[in-house]
Amino acid sequence: MHKTKILFIGDINVDVLMGGLESLPVVDKEITCKTFDIAVGSSAVICAAAYTSLGGDSSFLGLAGQDDYGNFMIHAMNELKINTDLVRRTDTIKTGVTINLIHASTRTQVTYPGTICEFDGSDVGEREFKEFSHIHFAGPYLQTKFRPHIIRLLQLAKSLNITTSLDPQWDPREKWEHMNDWLPLLTYLFVNEGEAMSIVNTLDYQSRNRKGATSIEDACRALANHTATPIVKTGKDGSMAISRGRGGNLARSTAKQVQVIDTTGAGDCFDAGFLFATFEKQLPLAKALQVANATGSRSCTFPGGVAHKSTWSDITHFMET
């Protein structure tokens, strides 16, 4: 069977993981942790790795520094069988770093943006897109130079009949700049509960329709007025989605409860599970949500974002047990 070739576009950074904190960080006080590791970071890279592990074909486009962390990320992506031919390198700024402080089931992050905000994508065009069937964007609100170019790339993908998806991650300013332009062009939008509520309430405010959303179901339905298929991740409760092209009914799927080791990358693994179930297995929306939930949940039982290396067999077994 012909595989859907996906291009993942986003940040390249390492994750420094400090797990088992004795308490949440305290000002002017030193605390200890039980584990420490340097691992593959980047929402888009983790998503690409999960997609490849399931059996998919993924390539990556982004910017890495000409430094040890940049070398680490390129080597790791190659080891994970992600094609890196389109990755750019720079010696003018360091590769991004995210410090993850993990206490119980919570995670606090501190990021040095580096190459994350330096990549602008102004030279990306049809030459880079033409061999792919789907383009996935992730984390644009830290990619300050790249963000203005996304509308052009979404329009290009549409003109080439290439499907697209976006996981915006959180906007620290909660202004959701350009979101109104992106939503009509997207095939799939991936958001969590907080992001969904904030986006909807911001869009309503901007349009002077100040009803807002009072529940996550309201938010999902409101997003469906703006974009083709909004998919909302609701944590331990699972997920929900609406596809205008599949009748416009709200689909839900519950999540399997697991012993959480680390939530790093769980949302990105969810995205990969959904895309793989949709494109490679051609599953209907509700079934694709089940696979996405399972992929995200299973990743939580391993430290870091890529250690789980879930195959399709792993996920089907996980869903059955």
Foldseek 3Di string as FASTA:
>chain_A
DDAFEEEEEAAWEKEWEFAQWPDPDDPPDDTHGDDTDIGGADLRLLLQLLLVLQPHHYEYAFEAEPDPRSVVNVVVSVVSVHHDPRYHYYPPWHGKYWYWYYHQADTDIDIDCIRRQVDACPVDACVVPVVGQEYEYEACLSNNNNVVCVLVVLVRCVVNNHAYEYENPDNPVLLCPCPLSVAASHQEYEYEQVVLQSVQCNVCVVVVVRPGDPDSVSSQLSSVVRHQKYKYQYPQQFIWMAGVVVPRDIATDGADDDNFDYQRNLSSQLVSQLVCCCRVVVDDDNVSSHSSRLRSNQCRVDPHSNPSSDYNVNSVVSSVD
